[in-house]
Amino acid sequence: MTETETTEKEERKCRDCGAQLGPGREDRQYCDSACKTNFNNRRRREQQKGEETSAERQLPELSIPDYITRIQEILLNNRKILEGLCDEDRAGRIRVRNLIGRGFNTKFYTSEAEPTETGNVYRFCFEYGYREDENGMAIVICRKREVA
């Protein structure tokens, strides 16, 4: 063994914490399994974060007509989902997570009603509205159409 080979072995350091690696396998890269797990988890988080930002950048810029069409599609989908959950004379109930699971997009609605006497605020997609209660439920109602 030459002097440079001995020096290289002594200077091997853990990829996670930077501590000098003691005796063991020649190809060892970590102090122990905890350092290996920590290093790989951190690397995976950084890769996922990079993928999210690159995915955000890859969204194509929509033209104004396409943008408006996309919003209309979302609103009509929201209305269709709410319509299936209530009758004109009876409110419906569904867990908010289940509502979202059906494809409902809570960011888009056509109007927001004035708060009720109890402070509840309904968001409407055309004539169908919903509000979230303190238990994670969505109360779905139907109001009379304002335009004939």
C-alpha atoms as a PDB file:
ATOM      1  CA  MET A   1       0.000   0.000   0.000  1.00  0.00           C
ATOM      2  CA  THR A   2       1.361   3.415  -0.925  1.00  0.00           C
ATOM      3  CA  GLU A   3       1.238   6.498   1.238  1.00  0.00           C
ATOM      4  CA  THR A   4      -1.463   8.149  -0.931  1.00  0.00           C
ATOM      5  CA  GLU A   5      -3.738   5.082  -0.628  1.00  0.00           C
ATOM      6  CA  THR A   6      -3.428   5.178   3.175  1.00  0.00           C
ATOM      7  CA  THR A   7      -4.215   8.920   3.219  1.00  0.00           C
ATOM      8  CA  GLU A   8      -7.290   8.437   1.013  1.00  0.00           C
ATOM      9  CA  LYS A   9      -8.681   5.793   3.358  1.00  0.00           C
ATOM     10  CA  GLU A  10      -8.131   8.004   6.386  1.00  0.00           C
ATOM     11  CA  GLU A  11      -9.867  10.963   4.720  1.00  0.00           C
ATOM     12  CA  ARG A  12     -13.067   9.106   3.834  1.00  0.00           C
ATOM     13  CA  LYS A  13     -16.003  10.897   5.379  1.00  0.00           C
ATOM     14  CA  CYS A  14     -19.676  10.152   5.891  1.00  0.00           C
ATOM     15  CA  ARG A  15     -21.821  11.617   3.070  1.00  0.00           C
ATOM     16  CA  ASP A  16     -24.405  12.765   5.621  1.00  0.00           C
ATOM     17  CA  CYS A  17     -22.707  14.094   8.739  1.00  0.00           C
ATOM     18  CA  GLY A  18     -19.147  14.488   7.442  1.00  0.00           C
ATOM     19  CA  ALA A  19     -17.621  12.425  10.250  1.00  0.00           C
ATOM     20  CA  GLN A  20     -14.519  10.451   9.405  1.00  0.00           C
ATOM     21  CA  LEU A  21     -15.290   6.836   8.564  1.00  0.00           C
ATOM     22  CA  GLY A  22     -13.497   4.247  10.652  1.00  0.00           C
ATOM     23  CA  PRO A  23     -12.479   0.777   9.641  1.00  0.00           C
ATOM     24  CA  GLY A  24     -14.890  -1.231   7.559  1.00  0.00           C
ATOM     25  CA  ARG A  25     -15.702  -1.931   3.964  1.00  0.00           C
ATOM     26  CA  GLU A  26     -13.725  -0.049   1.353  1.00  0.00           C
ATOM     27  CA  ASP A  27     -16.864   1.254  -0.383  1.00  0.00           C
ATOM     28  CA  ARG A  28     -18.656   2.362   2.797  1.00  0.00           C
ATOM     29  CA  GLN A  29     -20.120   5.876   2.473  1.00  0.00           C
ATOM     30  CA  TYR A  30     -21.982   6.423   5.772  1.00  0.00           C
ATOM     31  CA  CYS A  31     -21.314   6.131   9.498  1.00  0.00           C
ATOM     32  CA  ASP A  32     -24.355   3.984  10.097  1.00  0.00           C
ATOM     33  CA  SER A  33     -27.842   3.225   8.777  1.00  0.00           C
ATOM     34  CA  ALA A  34     -29.290   6.397  10.368  1.00  0.00           C
ATOM     35  CA  CYS A  35     -26.881   8.608   8.366  1.00  0.00           C
ATOM     36  CA  LYS A  36     -27.630   6.654   5.189  1.00  0.00           C
ATOM     37  CA  THR A  37     -31.393   7.034   5.712  1.00  0.00           C
ATOM     38  CA  ASN A  38     -31.083  10.738   6.545  1.00  0.00           C
ATOM     39  CA  PHE A  39     -28.939  11.409   3.472  1.00  0.00           C
ATOM     40  CA  ASN A  40     -31.297   9.559   1.119  1.00  0.00           C
ATOM     41  CA  ASN A  41     -34.417  11.188   2.581  1.00  0.00           C
ATOM     42  CA  ARG A  42     -32.896  14.662   2.198  1.00  0.00           C
ATOM     43  CA  ARG A  43     -31.828  13.910  -1.379  1.00  0.00           C
ATOM     44  CA  ARG A  44     -35.314  12.581  -2.224  1.00  0.00           C
ATOM     45  CA  ARG A  45     -36.982  15.722  -0.773  1.00  0.00           C
ATOM     46  CA  GLU A  46     -34.668  17.956  -2.797  1.00  0.00           C
ATOM     47  CA  GLN A  47     -35.419  16.001  -5.971  1.00  0.00           C
ATOM     48  CA  GLN A  48     -39.175  16.198  -5.359  1.00  0.00           C
ATOM     49  CA  LYS A  49     -38.920  19.927  -4.693  1.00  0.00           C
ATOM     50  CA  GLY A  50     -37.000  20.353  -7.954  1.00  0.00           C
ATOM     51  CA  GLU A  51     -39.587  18.322  -9.847  1.00  0.00           C
ATOM     52  CA  GLU A  52     -42.438  20.437  -8.451  1.00  0.00           C
ATOM     53  CA  THR A  53     -40.824  23.700  -9.519  1.00  0.00           C
ATOM     54  CA  SER A  54     -39.939  22.339 -12.950  1.00  0.00           C
ATOM     55  CA  ALA A  55     -43.511  21.027 -13.351  1.00  0.00           C
ATOM     56  CA  GLU A  56     -44.849  24.476 -12.454  1.00  0.00           C
ATOM     57  CA  ARG A  57     -42.594  26.043 -15.069  1.00  0.00           C
ATOM     58  CA  GLN A  58     -43.720  23.569 -17.733  1.00  0.00           C
ATOM     59  CA  LEU A  59     -47.365  24.675 -17.616  1.00  0.00           C
ATOM     60  CA  PRO A  60     -48.153  26.112 -21.010  1.00  0.00           C
ATOM     61  CA  GLU A  61     -49.326  29.701 -21.116  1.00  0.00           C
ATOM     62  CA  LEU A  62     -52.978  29.621 -22.126  1.00  0.00           C
ATOM     63  CA  SER A  63     -54.458  32.140 -24.494  1.00  0.00           C
ATOM     64  CA  ILE A  64     -57.239  34.293 -23.018  1.00  0.00           C
ATOM     65  CA  PRO A  65     -60.044  32.336 -24.751  1.00  0.00           C
ATOM     66  CA  ASP A  66     -58.519  29.007 -23.626  1.00  0.00           C
ATOM     67  CA  TYR A  67     -58.083  30.344 -20.085  1.00  0.00           C
ATOM     68  CA  ILE A  68     -61.733  31.421 -19.924  1.00  0.00           C
ATOM     69  CA  THR A  69     -62.848  28.087 -21.378  1.00  0.00           C
ATOM     70  CA  ARG A  70     -60.828  26.199 -18.760  1.00  0.00           C
ATOM     71  CA  ILE A  71     -62.399  28.207 -15.917  1.00  0.00           C
ATOM     72  CA  GLN A  72     -65.877  27.605 -17.356  1.00  0.00           C
ATOM     73  CA  GLU A  73     -65.159  23.879 -17.479  1.00  0.00           C
ATOM     74  CA  ILE A  74     -64.106  23.888 -13.806  1.00  0.00           C
ATOM     75  CA  LEU A  75     -67.207  25.873 -12.767  1.00  0.00           C
ATOM     76  CA  LEU A  76     -69.556  23.590 -14.714  1.00  0.00           C
ATOM     77  CA  ASN A  77     -67.885  20.523 -13.219  1.00  0.00           C
ATOM     78  CA  ASN A  78     -68.297  21.992  -9.726  1.00  0.00           C
ATOM     79  CA  ARG A  79     -71.986  22.720 -10.445  1.00  0.00           C
ATOM     80  CA  LYS A  80     -72.562  19.186 -11.731  1.00  0.00           C
ATOM     81  CA  ILE A  81     -71.010  17.681  -8.591  1.00  0.00           C
ATOM     82  CA  LEU A  82     -73.122  19.899  -6.281  1.00  0.00           C
ATOM     83  CA  GLU A  83     -76.264  19.203  -8.305  1.00  0.00           C
ATOM     84  CA  GLY A  84     -75.890  15.496  -7.650  1.00  0.00           C
ATOM     85  CA  LEU A  85     -75.722  16.045  -3.902  1.00  0.00           C
ATOM     86  CA  CYS A  86     -78.970  17.862  -3.123  1.00  0.00           C
ATOM     87  CA  ASP A  87     -82.603  18.342  -4.108  1.00  0.00           C
ATOM     88  CA  GLU A  88     -84.285  21.701  -4.546  1.00  0.00           C
ATOM     89  CA  ASP A  89     -86.175  21.175  -1.294  1.00  0.00           C
ATOM     90  CA  ARG A  90     -83.562  19.329   0.789  1.00  0.00           C
ATOM     91  CA  ALA A  91     -79.916  20.092   1.601  1.00  0.00           C
ATOM     92  CA  GLY A  92     -77.240  17.490   1.056  1.00  0.00           C
ATOM     93  CA  ARG A  93     -74.220  16.647   3.201  1.00  0.00           C
ATOM     94  CA  ILE A  94     -70.840  15.244   2.223  1.00  0.00           C
ATOM     95  CA  ARG A  95     -67.373  15.279   3.740  1.00  0.00           C
ATOM     96  CA  VAL A  96     -65.280  18.034   2.170  1.00  0.00           C
ATOM     97  CA  ARG A  97     -62.491  15.576   1.378  1.00  0.00           C
ATOM     98  CA  ASN A  98     -65.003  13.376  -0.482  1.00  0.00           C
ATOM     99  CA  LEU A  99     -66.282  16.417  -2.365  1.00  0.00           C
ATOM    100  CA  ILE A 100     -62.729  17.203  -3.455  1.00  0.00           C
ATOM    101  CA  GLY A 101     -62.203  13.514  -4.237  1.00  0.00           C
ATOM    102  CA  ARG A 102     -65.054  13.717  -6.754  1.00  0.00           C
ATOM    103  CA  GLY A 103     -63.126  16.423  -8.613  1.00  0.00           C
ATOM    104  CA  PHE A 104     -64.613  19.510  -6.957  1.00  0.00           C
ATOM    105  CA  ASN A 105     -62.238  22.504  -7.073  1.00  0.00           C
ATOM    106  CA  THR A 106     -62.794  24.735  -4.030  1.00  0.00           C
ATOM    107  CA  LYS A 107     -60.875  27.639  -5.586  1.00  0.00           C
ATOM    108  CA  PHE A 108     -63.569  28.293  -8.177  1.00  0.00           C
ATOM    109  CA  TYR A 109     -67.119  29.481  -7.519  1.00  0.00           C
ATOM    110  CA  THR A 110     -69.426  32.022  -9.160  1.00  0.00           C
ATOM    111  CA  SER A 111     -70.543  33.965  -6.084  1.00  0.00           C
ATOM    112  CA  GLU A 112     -70.358  34.151  -2.339  1.00  0.00           C
ATOM    113  CA  ALA A 113     -73.535  34.920  -0.378  1.00  0.00           C
ATOM    114  CA  GLU A 114     -73.704  37.365   2.504  1.00  0.00           C
ATOM    115  CA  PRO A 115     -73.130  35.626   5.841  1.00  0.00           C
ATOM    116  CA  THR A 116     -76.263  34.142   7.382  1.00  0.00           C
ATOM    117  CA  GLU A 117     -77.471  35.167  10.855  1.00  0.00           C
ATOM    118  CA  THR A 118     -75.296  32.409  12.297  1.00  0.00           C
ATOM    119  CA  GLY A 119     -72.269  33.643  10.329  1.00  0.00           C
ATOM    120  CA  ASN A 120     -72.246  30.868   7.735  1.00  0.00           C
ATOM    121  CA  VAL A 121     -71.001  31.842   4.280  1.00  0.00           C
ATOM    122  CA  TYR A 122     -72.188  29.894   1.250  1.00  0.00           C
ATOM    123  CA  ARG A 123     -70.171  29.747  -1.952  1.00  0.00           C
ATOM    124  CA  PHE A 124     -72.201  29.159  -5.083  1.00  0.00           C
ATOM    125  CA  CYS A 125     -71.564  27.554  -8.442  1.00  0.00           C
ATOM    126  CA  PHE A 126     -74.516  29.061 -10.235  1.00  0.00           C
ATOM    127  CA  GLU A 127     -77.647  27.998  -8.275  1.00  0.00           C
ATOM    128  CA  TYR A 128     -75.930  25.331  -6.133  1.00  0.00           C
ATOM    129  CA  GLY A 129     -74.071  26.414  -3.034  1.00  0.00           C
ATOM    130  CA  TYR A 130     -72.101  24.875  -0.222  1.00  0.00           C
ATOM    131  CA  ARG A 131     -70.586  25.790   3.080  1.00  0.00           C
ATOM    132  CA  GLU A 132     -68.103  23.959   5.248  1.00  0.00           C
ATOM    133  CA  ASP A 133     -68.999  23.235   8.854  1.00  0.00           C
ATOM    134  CA  GLU A 134     -66.704  22.746  11.822  1.00  0.00           C
ATOM    135  CA  ASN A 135     -66.775  18.936  11.414  1.00  0.00           C
ATOM    136  CA  GLY A 136     -65.299  18.898   7.904  1.00  0.00           C
ATOM    137  CA  MET A 137     -68.686  18.439   6.262  1.00  0.00           C
ATOM    138  CA  ALA A 138     -69.998  20.401   3.282  1.00  0.00           C
ATOM    139  CA  ILE A 139     -73.657  21.403   3.454  1.00  0.00           C
ATOM    140  CA  VAL A 140     -74.994  21.650  -0.123  1.00  0.00           C
ATOM    141  CA  ILE A 141     -78.090  23.706  -1.002  1.00  0.00           C
ATOM    142  CA  CYS A 142     -79.974  24.803  -4.078  1.00  0.00           C
ATOM    143  CA  ARG A 143     -81.425  28.297  -4.484  1.00  0.00           C
ATOM    144  CA  LYS A 144     -83.944  29.496  -7.015  1.00  0.00           C
ATOM    145  CA  ARG A 145     -82.457  30.652 -10.265  1.00  0.00           C
ATOM    146  CA  GLU A 146     -82.216  34.419 -10.448  1.00  0.00           C
ATOM    147  CA  VAL A 147     -82.208  34.566 -14.248  1.00  0.00           C
ATOM    148  CA  ALA A 148     -84.896  32.949 -16.365  1.00  0.00           C
END
